[in-house]
């Protein structure tokens, strides 16, 4: 497999960046809301919703990304969020 095929979908179109889908927009929105939160409780809630949205996006990309590159990015984000940090 040539390196260029890593970035192409089944129709041969390059698929590196696409318009953000709903889970990615939710991640950004909840993340911004958590940074602007006035109470620790609301900040925690928005932070958890942000993380859940990112995990959902990563699962979607890993399972059905349009190119091997997008599936790899999804798996890397998923691993980075799930695996323990030392």
PDB file of N, CA and C in Angstrom:
ATOM      1  N   UNK A   1       0.843  -1.177   0.000  1.00  0.00           N
ATOM      2  CA  UNK A   1       0.000   0.000   0.000  1.00  0.00           C
ATOM      3  C   UNK A   1       0.890   1.241   0.000  1.00  0.00           C
ATOM      4  N   UNK A   2       0.690   2.082  -0.956  1.00  0.00           N
ATOM      5  CA  UNK A   2       1.443   3.326  -1.034  1.00  0.00           C
ATOM      6  C   UNK A   2       0.982   4.269   0.074  1.00  0.00           C
ATOM      7  N   UNK A   3       1.893   5.136   0.494  1.00  0.00           N
ATOM      8  CA  UNK A   3       1.572   6.064   1.580  1.00  0.00           C
ATOM      9  C   UNK A   3       0.404   6.970   1.216  1.00  0.00           C
ATOM     10  N   UNK A   4       0.252   7.299  -0.063  1.00  0.00           N
ATOM     11  CA  UNK A   4      -0.862   8.165  -0.451  1.00  0.00           C
ATOM     12  C   UNK A   4      -2.206   7.462  -0.258  1.00  0.00           C
ATOM     13  N   UNK A   5      -2.231   6.144  -0.361  1.00  0.00           N
ATOM     14  CA  UNK A   5      -3.488   5.411  -0.148  1.00  0.00           C
ATOM     15  C   UNK A   5      -3.944   5.481   1.302  1.00  0.00           C
ATOM     16  N   UNK A   6      -3.019   5.748   2.205  1.00  0.00           N
ATOM     17  CA  UNK A   6      -3.352   5.869   3.622  1.00  0.00           C
ATOM     18  C   UNK A   6      -4.310   7.033   3.859  1.00  0.00           C
ATOM     19  N   UNK A   7      -4.270   8.036   2.991  1.00  0.00           N
ATOM     20  CA  UNK A   7      -5.087   9.235   3.144  1.00  0.00           C
ATOM     21  C   UNK A   7      -6.306   9.248   2.224  1.00  0.00           C
ATOM     22  N   UNK A   8      -6.523   8.185   1.463  1.00  0.00           N
ATOM     23  CA  UNK A   8      -7.619   8.164   0.492  1.00  0.00           C
ATOM     24  C   UNK A   8      -8.747   7.239   0.927  1.00  0.00           C
ATOM     25  N   UNK A   9      -9.975   7.621   0.536  1.00  0.00           N
ATOM     26  CA  UNK A   9     -11.116   6.756   0.821  1.00  0.00           C
ATOM     27  C   UNK A   9     -11.260   5.716  -0.286  1.00  0.00           C
ATOM     28  N   UNK A  10     -12.320   4.959  -0.252  1.00  0.00           N
ATOM     29  CA  UNK A  10     -12.521   3.885  -1.245  1.00  0.00           C
ATOM     30  C   UNK A  10     -12.695   4.401  -2.666  1.00  0.00           C
ATOM     31  N   UNK A  11     -13.106   5.672  -2.788  1.00  0.00           N
ATOM     32  CA  UNK A  11     -13.293   6.261  -4.117  1.00  0.00           C
ATOM     33  C   UNK A  11     -12.051   6.991  -4.617  1.00  0.00           C
ATOM     34  N   UNK A  12     -10.977   6.940  -3.851  1.00  0.00           N
ATOM     35  CA  UNK A  12      -9.738   7.567  -4.270  1.00  0.00           C
ATOM     36  C   UNK A  12      -9.602   9.026  -3.881  1.00  0.00           C
ATOM     37  N   UNK A  13     -10.585   9.583  -3.165  1.00  0.00           N
ATOM     38  CA  UNK A  13     -10.514  10.979  -2.741  1.00  0.00           C
ATOM     39  C   UNK A  13      -9.698  11.095  -1.453  1.00  0.00           C
ATOM     40  N   UNK A  14      -8.878  12.140  -1.373  1.00  0.00           N
ATOM     41  CA  UNK A  14      -8.078  12.373  -0.177  1.00  0.00           C
ATOM     42  C   UNK A  14      -9.017  12.796   0.952  1.00  0.00           C
ATOM     43  N   UNK A  15      -8.894  12.116   2.102  1.00  0.00           N
ATOM     44  CA  UNK A  15      -9.754  12.385   3.255  1.00  0.00           C
ATOM     45  C   UNK A  15      -8.892  12.577   4.499  1.00  0.00           C
ATOM     46  N   UNK A  16      -8.374  13.784   4.651  1.00  0.00           N
ATOM     47  CA  UNK A  16      -7.591  14.094   5.845  1.00  0.00           C
ATOM     48  C   UNK A  16      -8.450  14.926   6.788  1.00  0.00           C
ATOM     49  N   UNK A  17      -8.929  16.060   6.319  1.00  0.00           N
ATOM     50  CA  UNK A  17      -9.767  16.945   7.116  1.00  0.00           C
ATOM     51  C   UNK A  17     -11.148  17.028   6.492  1.00  0.00           C
ATOM     52  N   UNK A  18     -12.152  17.042   7.336  1.00  0.00           N
ATOM     53  CA  UNK A  18     -13.532  17.201   6.898  1.00  0.00           C
ATOM     54  C   UNK A  18     -14.215  18.179   7.832  1.00  0.00           C
ATOM     55  N   UNK A  19     -15.390  18.603   7.454  1.00  0.00           N
ATOM     56  CA  UNK A  19     -16.167  19.464   8.352  1.00  0.00           C
ATOM     57  C   UNK A  19     -16.468  18.680   9.636  1.00  0.00           C
ATOM     58  N   UNK A  20     -16.388  19.347  10.790  1.00  0.00           N
ATOM     59  CA  UNK A  20     -16.634  18.635  12.051  1.00  0.00           C
ATOM     60  C   UNK A  20     -18.063  18.097  12.124  1.00  0.00           C
ATOM     61  N   UNK A  21     -18.188  16.897  12.674  1.00  0.00           N
ATOM     62  CA  UNK A  21     -19.516  16.335  12.854  1.00  0.00           C
ATOM     63  C   UNK A  21     -20.033  16.699  14.241  1.00  0.00           C
ATOM     64  N   UNK A  22     -21.252  16.303  14.558  1.00  0.00           N
ATOM     65  CA  UNK A  22     -21.910  16.731  15.793  1.00  0.00           C
ATOM     66  C   UNK A  22     -21.126  16.364  17.056  1.00  0.00           C
ATOM     67  N   UNK A  23     -20.603  15.138  17.214  1.00  0.00           N
ATOM     68  CA  UNK A  23     -19.852  14.863  18.445  1.00  0.00           C
ATOM     69  C   UNK A  23     -18.614  15.745  18.616  1.00  0.00           C
ATOM     70  N   UNK A  24     -17.952  16.092  17.529  1.00  0.00           N
ATOM     71  CA  UNK A  24     -16.772  16.949  17.635  1.00  0.00           C
ATOM     72  C   UNK A  24     -17.172  18.389  17.977  1.00  0.00           C
ATOM     73  N   UNK A  25     -18.272  18.855  17.417  1.00  0.00           N
ATOM     74  CA  UNK A  25     -18.776  20.177  17.777  1.00  0.00           C
ATOM     75  C   UNK A  25     -19.218  20.211  19.236  1.00  0.00           C
ATOM     76  N   UNK A  26     -19.847  19.120  19.697  1.00  0.00           N
ATOM     77  CA  UNK A  26     -20.277  19.040  21.098  1.00  0.00           C
ATOM     78  C   UNK A  26     -19.064  19.060  22.020  1.00  0.00           C
ATOM     79  N   UNK A  27     -18.004  18.332  21.659  1.00  0.00           N
ATOM     80  CA  UNK A  27     -16.773  18.334  22.457  1.00  0.00           C
ATOM     81  C   UNK A  27     -16.239  19.753  22.607  1.00  0.00           C
ATOM     82  N   UNK A  28     -16.175  20.489  21.515  1.00  0.00           N
ATOM     83  CA  UNK A  28     -15.655  21.856  21.561  1.00  0.00           C
ATOM     84  C   UNK A  28     -16.581  22.766  22.372  1.00  0.00           C
ATOM     85  N   UNK A  29     -17.873  22.626  22.168  1.00  0.00           N
ATOM     86  CA  UNK A  29     -18.833  23.467  22.890  1.00  0.00           C
ATOM     87  C   UNK A  29     -18.828  23.202  24.385  1.00  0.00           C
ATOM     88  N   UNK A  30     -18.864  21.934  24.767  1.00  0.00           N
ATOM     89  CA  UNK A  30     -18.833  21.597  26.191  1.00  0.00           C
ATOM     90  C   UNK A  30     -17.498  21.986  26.820  1.00  0.00           C
ATOM     91  N   UNK A  31     -16.415  21.828  26.063  1.00  0.00           N
ATOM     92  CA  UNK A  31     -15.104  22.229  26.572  1.00  0.00           C
ATOM     93  C   UNK A  31     -15.037  23.731  26.827  1.00  0.00           C
ATOM     94  N   UNK A  32     -15.565  24.504  25.897  1.00  0.00           N
ATOM     95  CA  UNK A  32     -15.599  25.961  26.081  1.00  0.00           C
ATOM     96  C   UNK A  32     -16.489  26.326  27.266  1.00  0.00           C
ATOM     97  N   UNK A  33     -17.620  25.656  27.385  1.00  0.00           N
ATOM     98  CA  UNK A  33     -18.529  25.930  28.503  1.00  0.00           C
ATOM     99  C   UNK A  33     -17.876  25.587  29.839  1.00  0.00           C
ATOM    100  N   UNK A  34     -17.077  24.530  29.872  1.00  0.00           N
ATOM    101  CA  UNK A  34     -16.420  24.162  31.134  1.00  0.00           C
ATOM    102  C   UNK A  34     -15.376  25.199  31.529  1.00  0.00           C
ATOM    103  N   UNK A  35     -14.738  25.834  30.552  1.00  0.00           N
ATOM    104  CA  UNK A  35     -13.750  26.864  30.860  1.00  0.00           C
ATOM    105  C   UNK A  35     -14.398  28.161  31.335  1.00  0.00           C
ATOM    106  N   UNK A  36     -15.647  28.384  30.945  1.00  0.00           N
ATOM    107  CA  UNK A  36     -16.345  29.611  31.330  1.00  0.00           C
ATOM    108  C   UNK A  36     -17.294  29.404  32.507  1.00  0.00           C
ATOM    109  N   UNK A  37     -17.319  28.209  33.050  1.00  0.00           N
ATOM    110  CA  UNK A  37     -18.264  27.887  34.119  1.00  0.00           C
ATOM    111  C   UNK A  37     -18.003  28.729  35.363  1.00  0.00           C
ATOM    112  N   UNK A  38     -19.090  29.114  36.012  1.00  0.00           N
ATOM    113  CA  UNK A  38     -18.974  29.935  37.215  1.00  0.00           C
ATOM    114  C   UNK A  38     -18.932  29.102  38.485  1.00  0.00           C
ATOM    115  N   UNK A  39     -19.394  27.863  38.415  1.00  0.00           N
ATOM    116  CA  UNK A  39     -19.388  27.007  39.603  1.00  0.00           C
ATOM    117  C   UNK A  39     -18.601  25.729  39.315  1.00  0.00           C
ATOM    118  N   UNK A  40     -17.960  25.179  40.321  1.00  0.00           N
ATOM    119  CA  UNK A  40     -17.212  23.928  40.116  1.00  0.00           C
ATOM    120  C   UNK A  40     -18.109  22.772  39.667  1.00  0.00           C
ATOM    121  N   UNK A  41     -19.337  22.748  40.154  1.00  0.00           N
ATOM    122  CA  UNK A  41     -20.259  21.670  39.760  1.00  0.00           C
ATOM    123  C   UNK A  41     -20.557  21.731  38.266  1.00  0.00           C
ATOM    124  N   UNK A  42     -20.859  22.929  37.759  1.00  0.00           N
ATOM    125  CA  UNK A  42     -21.150  23.091  36.332  1.00  0.00           C
ATOM    126  C   UNK A  42     -19.900  22.829  35.505  1.00  0.00           C
ATOM    127  N   UNK A  43     -18.751  23.253  36.003  1.00  0.00           N
ATOM    128  CA  UNK A  43     -17.494  23.009  35.301  1.00  0.00           C
ATOM    129  C   UNK A  43     -17.238  21.511  35.175  1.00  0.00           C
ATOM    130  N   UNK A  44     -17.470  20.762  36.255  1.00  0.00           N
ATOM    131  CA  UNK A  44     -17.277  19.315  36.209  1.00  0.00           C
ATOM    132  C   UNK A  44     -18.231  18.637  35.243  1.00  0.00           C
ATOM    133  N   UNK A  45     -19.488  19.062  35.253  1.00  0.00           N
ATOM    134  CA  UNK A  45     -20.485  18.484  34.347  1.00  0.00           C
ATOM    135  C   UNK A  45     -20.105  18.734  32.891  1.00  0.00           C
ATOM    136  N   UNK A  46     -19.742  19.959  32.579  1.00  0.00           N
ATOM    137  CA  UNK A  46     -19.376  20.293  31.199  1.00  0.00           C
ATOM    138  C   UNK A  46     -18.102  19.560  30.788  1.00  0.00           C
ATOM    139  N   UNK A  47     -17.171  19.409  31.704  1.00  0.00           N
ATOM    140  CA  UNK A  47     -15.943  18.668  31.409  1.00  0.00           C
ATOM    141  C   UNK A  47     -16.224  17.204  31.103  1.00  0.00           C
ATOM    142  N   UNK A  48     -17.127  16.592  31.884  1.00  0.00           N
ATOM    143  CA  UNK A  48     -17.475  15.184  31.629  1.00  0.00           C
ATOM    144  C   UNK A  48     -18.218  15.032  30.307  1.00  0.00           C
ATOM    145  N   UNK A  49     -19.139  15.951  30.017  1.00  0.00           N
ATOM    146  CA  UNK A  49     -19.857  15.886  28.736  1.00  0.00           C
ATOM    147  C   UNK A  49     -18.896  16.090  27.563  1.00  0.00           C
ATOM    148  N   UNK A  50     -17.908  16.949  27.741  1.00  0.00           N
ATOM    149  CA  UNK A  50     -16.906  17.166  26.706  1.00  0.00           C
ATOM    150  C   UNK A  50     -16.121  15.881  26.444  1.00  0.00           C
ATOM    151  N   UNK A  51     -15.699  15.208  27.511  1.00  0.00           N
ATOM    152  CA  UNK A  51     -14.928  13.976  27.348  1.00  0.00           C
ATOM    153  C   UNK A  51     -15.765  12.876  26.703  1.00  0.00           C
ATOM    154  N   UNK A  52     -17.022  12.737  27.118  1.00  0.00           N
ATOM    155  CA  UNK A  52     -17.898  11.722  26.526  1.00  0.00           C
ATOM    156  C   UNK A  52     -18.090  11.993  25.036  1.00  0.00           C
ATOM    157  N   UNK A  53     -18.260  13.254  24.665  1.00  0.00           N
ATOM    158  CA  UNK A  53     -18.417  13.610  23.249  1.00  0.00           C
ATOM    159  C   UNK A  53     -17.173  13.247  22.444  1.00  0.00           C
ATOM    160  N   UNK A  54     -15.995  13.510  23.015  1.00  0.00           N
ATOM    161  CA  UNK A  54     -14.751  13.180  22.318  1.00  0.00           C
ATOM    162  C   UNK A  54     -14.586  11.669  22.177  1.00  0.00           C
ATOM    163  N   UNK A  55     -14.913  10.930  23.233  1.00  0.00           N
ATOM    164  CA  UNK A  55     -14.829   9.468  23.156  1.00  0.00           C
ATOM    165  C   UNK A  55     -15.782   8.916  22.105  1.00  0.00           C
ATOM    166  N   UNK A  56     -16.986   9.468  22.039  1.00  0.00           N
ATOM    167  CA  UNK A  56     -17.958   9.022  21.041  1.00  0.00           C
ATOM    168  C   UNK A  56     -17.450   9.317  19.635  1.00  0.00           C
ATOM    169  N   UNK A  57     -16.873  10.509  19.433  1.00  0.00           N
ATOM    170  CA  UNK A  57     -16.306  10.842  18.124  1.00  0.00           C
ATOM    171  C   UNK A  57     -15.189   9.862  17.768  1.00  0.00           C
ATOM    172  N   UNK A  58     -14.311   9.579  18.730  1.00  0.00           N
ATOM    173  CA  UNK A  58     -13.188   8.673  18.476  1.00  0.00           C
ATOM    174  C   UNK A  58     -13.677   7.275  18.123  1.00  0.00           C
ATOM    175  N   UNK A  59     -14.710   6.803  18.810  1.00  0.00           N
ATOM    176  CA  UNK A  59     -15.281   5.491  18.469  1.00  0.00           C
ATOM    177  C   UNK A  59     -15.851   5.485  17.055  1.00  0.00           C
ATOM    178  N   UNK A  60     -16.568   6.549  16.692  1.00  0.00           N
ATOM    179  CA  UNK A  60     -17.123   6.641  15.340  1.00  0.00           C
ATOM    180  C   UNK A  60     -16.023   6.651  14.285  1.00  0.00           C
ATOM    181  N   UNK A  61     -14.966   7.415  14.519  1.00  0.00           N
ATOM    182  CA  UNK A  61     -13.865   7.474  13.548  1.00  0.00           C
ATOM    183  C   UNK A  61     -13.133   6.145  13.456  1.00  0.00           C
ATOM    184  N   UNK A  62     -12.902   5.504  14.598  1.00  0.00           N
ATOM    185  CA  UNK A  62     -12.189   4.221  14.603  1.00  0.00           C
ATOM    186  C   UNK A  62     -12.980   3.167  13.850  1.00  0.00           C
ATOM    187  N   UNK A  63     -14.277   3.157  14.043  1.00  0.00           N
ATOM    188  CA  UNK A  63     -15.124   2.135  13.417  1.00  0.00           C
ATOM    189  C   UNK A  63     -15.473   2.451  11.968  1.00  0.00           C
ATOM    190  N   UNK A  64     -15.619   3.730  11.626  1.00  0.00           N
ATOM    191  CA  UNK A  64     -16.115   4.033  10.290  1.00  0.00           C
ATOM    192  C   UNK A  64     -15.486   5.214   9.604  1.00  0.00           C
ATOM    193  N   UNK A  65     -14.248   5.556   9.981  1.00  0.00           N
ATOM    194  CA  UNK A  65     -13.564   6.662   9.318  1.00  0.00           C
ATOM    195  C   UNK A  65     -13.418   6.400   7.826  1.00  0.00           C
ATOM    196  N   UNK A  66     -13.447   7.458   7.033  1.00  0.00           N
ATOM    197  CA  UNK A  66     -13.452   7.290   5.580  1.00  0.00           C
ATOM    198  C   UNK A  66     -12.108   6.896   4.987  1.00  0.00           C
ATOM    199  N   UNK A  67     -11.034   7.070   5.739  1.00  0.00           N
ATOM    200  CA  UNK A  67      -9.716   6.661   5.253  1.00  0.00           C
ATOM    201  C   UNK A  67      -8.959   6.004   6.396  1.00  0.00           C
ATOM    202  N   UNK A  68      -7.930   5.224   6.073  1.00  0.00           N
ATOM    203  CA  UNK A  68      -7.122   4.638   7.148  1.00  0.00           C
ATOM    204  C   UNK A  68      -6.528   5.700   8.075  1.00  0.00           C
ATOM    205  N   UNK A  69      -6.193   6.854   7.536  1.00  0.00           N
ATOM    206  CA  UNK A  69      -5.663   7.938   8.361  1.00  0.00           C
ATOM    207  C   UNK A  69      -6.686   8.364   9.409  1.00  0.00           C
ATOM    208  N   UNK A  70      -7.928   8.567   8.995  1.00  0.00           N
ATOM    209  CA  UNK A  70      -8.972   9.011   9.934  1.00  0.00           C
ATOM    210  C   UNK A  70      -9.256   7.937  10.978  1.00  0.00           C
ATOM    211  N   UNK A  71      -9.223   6.666  10.570  1.00  0.00           N
ATOM    212  CA  UNK A  71      -9.423   5.585  11.547  1.00  0.00           C
ATOM    213  C   UNK A  71      -8.273   5.541  12.550  1.00  0.00           C
ATOM    214  N   UNK A  72      -7.055   5.800  12.083  1.00  0.00           N
ATOM    215  CA  UNK A  72      -5.893   5.823  12.962  1.00  0.00           C
ATOM    216  C   UNK A  72      -5.971   6.989  13.945  1.00  0.00           C
ATOM    217  N   UNK A  73      -6.382   8.148  13.472  1.00  0.00           N
ATOM    218  CA  UNK A  73      -6.538   9.299  14.367  1.00  0.00           C
ATOM    219  C   UNK A  73      -7.593   8.994  15.427  1.00  0.00           C
ATOM    220  N   UNK A  74      -8.704   8.398  15.023  1.00  0.00           N
ATOM    221  CA  UNK A  74      -9.738   8.021  15.989  1.00  0.00           C
ATOM    222  C   UNK A  74      -9.218   7.061  17.039  1.00  0.00           C
ATOM    223  N   UNK A  75      -8.460   6.054  16.608  1.00  0.00           N
ATOM    224  CA  UNK A  75      -7.907   5.079  17.549  1.00  0.00           C
ATOM    225  C   UNK A  75      -6.881   5.731  18.478  1.00  0.00           C
ATOM    226  N   UNK A  76      -6.080   6.647  17.965  1.00  0.00           N
ATOM    227  CA  UNK A  76      -5.086   7.326  18.798  1.00  0.00           C
ATOM    228  C   UNK A  76      -5.757   8.205  19.855  1.00  0.00           C
ATOM    229  N   UNK A  77      -6.791   8.919  19.466  1.00  0.00           N
ATOM    230  CA  UNK A  77      -7.519   9.751  20.431  1.00  0.00           C
ATOM    231  C   UNK A  77      -8.191   8.871  21.475  1.00  0.00           C
ATOM    232  N   UNK A  78      -8.791   7.789  21.031  1.00  0.00           N
ATOM    233  CA  UNK A  78      -9.446   6.858  21.956  1.00  0.00           C
ATOM    234  C   UNK A  78      -8.428   6.290  22.947  1.00  0.00           C
ATOM    235  N   UNK A  79      -7.291   5.854  22.458  1.00  0.00           N
ATOM    236  CA  UNK A  79      -6.256   5.308  23.339  1.00  0.00           C
ATOM    237  C   UNK A  79      -5.733   6.375  24.301  1.00  0.00           C
ATOM    238  N   UNK A  80      -5.549   7.576  23.804  1.00  0.00           N
ATOM    239  CA  UNK A  80      -5.062   8.650  24.647  1.00  0.00           C
ATOM    240  C   UNK A  80      -6.012   9.033  25.757  1.00  0.00           C
ATOM    241  N   UNK A  81      -7.293   8.880  25.515  1.00  0.00           N
ATOM    242  CA  UNK A  81      -8.293   9.224  26.526  1.00  0.00           C
ATOM    243  C   UNK A  81      -8.578   8.079  27.489  1.00  0.00           C
ATOM    244  N   UNK A  82      -8.411   6.851  27.045  1.00  0.00           N
ATOM    245  CA  UNK A  82      -8.798   5.696  27.862  1.00  0.00           C
ATOM    246  C   UNK A  82      -7.630   5.146  28.659  1.00  0.00           C
ATOM    247  N   UNK A  83      -6.448   5.075  28.067  1.00  0.00           N
ATOM    248  CA  UNK A  83      -5.297   4.485  28.744  1.00  0.00           C
ATOM    249  C   UNK A  83      -4.833   5.377  29.892  1.00  0.00           C
ATOM    250  N   UNK A  84      -4.393   4.766  30.982  1.00  0.00           N
ATOM    251  CA  UNK A  84      -3.943   5.567  32.130  1.00  0.00           C
ATOM    252  C   UNK A  84      -2.659   6.330  31.813  1.00  0.00           C
ATOM    253  N   UNK A  85      -2.551   7.498  32.395  1.00  0.00           N
ATOM    254  CA  UNK A  85      -1.352   8.330  32.225  1.00  0.00           C
ATOM    255  C   UNK A  85      -0.450   8.112  33.432  1.00  0.00           C
ATOM    256  N   UNK A  86       0.844   8.118  33.172  1.00  0.00           N
ATOM    257  CA  UNK A  86       1.769   7.915  34.300  1.00  0.00           C
ATOM    258  C   UNK A  86       2.514   9.179  34.655  1.00  0.00           C
TER     259      UNK A  86
END
